[in-house]
Every structure is written in structure tokens, then in C-alpha cells.
Amino acid sequence: MSSSRMSRKGDATVKEVADYLGHHPETIRIMARSGDFPNAYKAGRGRPNSPLRIPWSDVDRYRALQPRASS
């Protein structure tokens, strides 16, 4: 899904963030555990298999901190 067509309502799923940043979903999970998305949380009852949600503000902050390739 194109980032320009992606819905930005509510918090993002791991798949949405992976598609947006161009990473594998497992990479996004690892990044969330390591603190790259400090406000990530488990939806539902917070059990180990509950889906992870990441606020778009965390994704935007992460992306803004990444170095840009020079041309």
C-alpha cells in the first residue's frame, strides 16, 4: 500500500508501519521492543499474543530522525 494512500486514523498496526517504512514486520516488532517506538502498546488485554499498536506520532518521529541519502 502506498504511504500516500494509507489511512492515518488511530494507531498503526505492525503491518502498516512495515509497509510505510519499507521494513519487514518482524523488524518493526524488534524496533518496538528496543524503544524506537516508545509509545507502542499491546491492544486488547495486553497478553503476549495481543496485537501491537504503534502511534503514528512515534512513526513520524522515528522517520524524521533517520539520515537522508545525499544525491
N, C-alpha and C. Protein backbone atom coordinates (compact mmCIF):
# COMPACT_ATOMS: atom_id res chain seq x y z
N MET A 1 0.84 -1.16 0.00
CA MET A 1 0.00 0.00 0.00
C MET A 1 0.89 1.23 0.00
N SER A 2 0.56 2.18 -0.79
CA SER A 2 1.31 3.41 -0.90
C SER A 2 1.15 4.23 0.36
N SER A 3 2.23 4.87 0.82
CA SER A 3 2.14 5.67 2.03
C SER A 3 1.20 6.85 1.86
N SER A 4 1.04 7.35 0.63
CA SER A 4 0.13 8.47 0.41
C SER A 4 -1.33 8.03 0.51
N ARG A 5 -1.62 6.75 0.30
CA ARG A 5 -2.99 6.25 0.36
C ARG A 5 -3.31 5.60 1.70
N MET A 6 -2.33 5.46 2.57
CA MET A 6 -2.52 4.77 3.84
C MET A 6 -3.34 5.63 4.80
N SER A 7 -4.29 5.01 5.47
CA SER A 7 -5.11 5.69 6.46
C SER A 7 -4.24 6.02 7.67
N ARG A 8 -4.35 7.23 8.17
CA ARG A 8 -3.57 7.63 9.33
C ARG A 8 -4.48 7.85 10.53
N LYS A 9 -5.64 7.20 10.54
CA LYS A 9 -6.55 7.32 11.67
C LYS A 9 -6.17 6.31 12.74
N GLY A 10 -6.24 6.72 13.98
CA GLY A 10 -5.93 5.82 15.08
C GLY A 10 -4.46 5.45 15.10
N ASP A 11 -4.16 4.38 15.77
CA ASP A 11 -2.78 3.91 15.85
C ASP A 11 -2.55 2.83 14.80
N ALA A 12 -1.30 2.68 14.40
CA ALA A 12 -0.94 1.79 13.30
C ALA A 12 -0.71 0.36 13.78
N THR A 13 -0.98 -0.58 12.89
CA THR A 13 -0.62 -1.97 13.13
C THR A 13 0.84 -2.16 12.72
N VAL A 14 1.41 -3.27 13.11
CA VAL A 14 2.79 -3.58 12.72
C VAL A 14 2.91 -3.63 11.20
N LYS A 15 1.94 -4.23 10.53
CA LYS A 15 1.99 -4.33 9.07
C LYS A 15 1.94 -2.96 8.42
N GLU A 16 1.09 -2.07 8.93
CA GLU A 16 1.01 -0.72 8.36
C GLU A 16 2.34 0.02 8.48
N VAL A 17 2.97 -0.09 9.66
CA VAL A 17 4.27 0.58 9.86
C VAL A 17 5.32 -0.06 8.96
N ALA A 18 5.31 -1.38 8.85
CA ALA A 18 6.28 -2.07 8.00
C ALA A 18 6.13 -1.62 6.55
N ASP A 19 4.91 -1.55 6.06
CA ASP A 19 4.67 -1.09 4.70
C ASP A 19 5.11 0.36 4.52
N TYR A 20 4.81 1.19 5.49
CA TYR A 20 5.13 2.62 5.41
C TYR A 20 6.64 2.86 5.40
N LEU A 21 7.37 2.12 6.26
CA LEU A 21 8.81 2.33 6.36
C LEU A 21 9.63 1.43 5.43
N GLY A 22 8.97 0.45 4.83
CA GLY A 22 9.68 -0.45 3.93
C GLY A 22 10.51 -1.50 4.66
N HIS A 23 10.04 -1.93 5.82
CA HIS A 23 10.73 -2.95 6.61
C HIS A 23 9.84 -4.19 6.73
N HIS A 24 10.44 -5.26 7.17
CA HIS A 24 9.69 -6.49 7.45
C HIS A 24 8.95 -6.31 8.77
N PRO A 25 7.75 -6.89 8.91
CA PRO A 25 7.00 -6.75 10.17
C PRO A 25 7.78 -7.18 11.41
N GLU A 26 8.58 -8.22 11.32
CA GLU A 26 9.36 -8.66 12.49
C GLU A 26 10.39 -7.60 12.88
N THR A 27 10.93 -6.89 11.90
CA THR A 27 11.86 -5.79 12.19
C THR A 27 11.15 -4.71 12.99
N ILE A 28 9.91 -4.41 12.64
CA ILE A 28 9.14 -3.41 13.37
C ILE A 28 8.90 -3.86 14.81
N ARG A 29 8.59 -5.13 15.00
CA ARG A 29 8.39 -5.65 16.37
C ARG A 29 9.67 -5.51 17.18
N ILE A 30 10.80 -5.84 16.59
CA ILE A 30 12.10 -5.72 17.27
C ILE A 30 12.37 -4.25 17.61
N MET A 31 12.09 -3.36 16.67
CA MET A 31 12.30 -1.93 16.91
C MET A 31 11.42 -1.43 18.06
N ALA A 32 10.19 -1.92 18.13
CA ALA A 32 9.28 -1.52 19.21
C ALA A 32 9.82 -2.00 20.55
N ARG A 33 10.31 -3.24 20.60
CA ARG A 33 10.86 -3.78 21.85
C ARG A 33 12.12 -3.04 22.28
N SER A 34 12.89 -2.54 21.30
CA SER A 34 14.14 -1.86 21.63
C SER A 34 13.95 -0.37 21.93
N GLY A 35 12.72 0.13 21.82
CA GLY A 35 12.44 1.51 22.21
C GLY A 35 12.37 2.52 21.08
N ASP A 36 12.46 2.08 19.83
CA ASP A 36 12.35 3.02 18.72
C ASP A 36 10.96 3.64 18.63
N PHE A 37 9.96 2.95 19.13
CA PHE A 37 8.59 3.45 19.17
C PHE A 37 8.16 3.42 20.64
N PRO A 38 8.52 4.46 21.41
CA PRO A 38 8.34 4.40 22.87
C PRO A 38 6.91 4.29 23.36
N ASN A 39 5.94 4.65 22.54
CA ASN A 39 4.54 4.59 22.97
C ASN A 39 3.79 3.40 22.40
N ALA A 40 4.52 2.44 21.84
CA ALA A 40 3.88 1.22 21.32
C ALA A 40 3.25 0.46 22.49
N TYR A 41 2.14 -0.20 22.21
CA TYR A 41 1.44 -0.92 23.27
C TYR A 41 0.73 -2.13 22.69
N LYS A 42 0.39 -3.05 23.58
CA LYS A 42 -0.38 -4.23 23.20
C LYS A 42 -1.86 -3.88 23.26
N ALA A 43 -2.58 -4.12 22.19
CA ALA A 43 -4.02 -3.86 22.16
C ALA A 43 -4.74 -4.97 22.91
N GLY A 44 -5.98 -4.76 23.20
CA GLY A 44 -6.76 -5.79 23.89
C GLY A 44 -6.36 -5.90 25.34
N ARG A 45 -6.18 -7.10 25.82
CA ARG A 45 -5.88 -7.33 27.23
C ARG A 45 -4.39 -7.31 27.53
N GLY A 46 -3.55 -7.08 26.52
CA GLY A 46 -2.12 -6.98 26.75
C GLY A 46 -1.43 -8.32 26.93
N ARG A 47 -2.07 -9.37 26.52
CA ARG A 47 -1.46 -10.70 26.62
C ARG A 47 -0.33 -10.82 25.61
N PRO A 48 0.55 -11.82 25.76
CA PRO A 48 1.69 -11.96 24.84
C PRO A 48 1.30 -12.03 23.37
N ASN A 49 0.14 -12.59 23.05
CA ASN A 49 -0.25 -12.70 21.65
C ASN A 49 -1.19 -11.58 21.20
N SER A 50 -1.39 -10.57 22.06
CA SER A 50 -2.21 -9.42 21.67
C SER A 50 -1.49 -8.62 20.58
N PRO A 51 -2.24 -8.03 19.66
CA PRO A 51 -1.60 -7.27 18.58
C PRO A 51 -0.95 -5.99 19.09
N LEU A 52 0.17 -5.66 18.51
CA LEU A 52 0.92 -4.46 18.85
C LEU A 52 0.36 -3.28 18.08
N ARG A 53 0.24 -2.14 18.73
CA ARG A 53 -0.20 -0.91 18.08
C ARG A 53 0.87 0.15 18.30
N ILE A 54 1.11 0.97 17.28
CA ILE A 54 2.13 2.00 17.34
C ILE A 54 1.50 3.33 16.93
N PRO A 55 1.59 4.34 17.79
CA PRO A 55 1.05 5.65 17.42
C PRO A 55 1.78 6.22 16.21
N TRP A 56 1.03 6.83 15.31
CA TRP A 56 1.65 7.42 14.11
C TRP A 56 2.66 8.50 14.50
N SER A 57 2.45 9.16 15.63
CA SER A 57 3.41 10.19 16.05
C SER A 57 4.78 9.58 16.31
N ASP A 58 4.83 8.36 16.86
CA ASP A 58 6.11 7.66 17.05
C ASP A 58 6.76 7.34 15.71
N VAL A 59 5.95 6.91 14.75
CA VAL A 59 6.47 6.57 13.42
C VAL A 59 7.04 7.82 12.75
N ASP A 60 6.31 8.93 12.83
CA ASP A 60 6.78 10.18 12.24
C ASP A 60 8.07 10.66 12.90
N ARG A 61 8.14 10.55 14.23
CA ARG A 61 9.35 10.97 14.95
C ARG A 61 10.54 10.11 14.53
N TYR A 62 10.33 8.80 14.46
CA TYR A 62 11.40 7.89 14.03
C TYR A 62 11.89 8.25 12.63
N ARG A 63 10.95 8.47 11.73
CA ARG A 63 11.32 8.76 10.34
C ARG A 63 12.07 10.09 10.24
N ALA A 64 11.66 11.08 11.01
CA ALA A 64 12.33 12.38 10.99
C ALA A 64 13.77 12.31 11.49
N LEU A 65 14.06 11.35 12.37
CA LEU A 65 15.41 11.21 12.92
C LEU A 65 16.36 10.43 12.04
N GLN A 66 15.83 9.81 10.98
CA GLN A 66 16.67 8.99 10.10
C GLN A 66 17.45 9.89 9.14
N PRO A 67 18.73 9.58 8.93
CA PRO A 67 19.52 10.39 7.99
C PRO A 67 19.00 10.20 6.57
N ARG A 68 19.09 11.23 5.80
CA ARG A 68 18.66 11.19 4.40
C ARG A 68 19.86 10.89 3.51
N ALA A 69 19.62 10.14 2.46
CA ALA A 69 20.69 9.85 1.50
C ALA A 69 20.97 11.11 0.70
N SER A 70 22.25 11.37 0.47
CA SER A 70 22.60 12.54 -0.34
C SER A 70 22.58 12.15 -1.81
N SER A 71 22.28 13.13 -2.65
CA SER A 71 22.20 12.83 -4.09
C SER A 71 23.41 13.30 -4.82
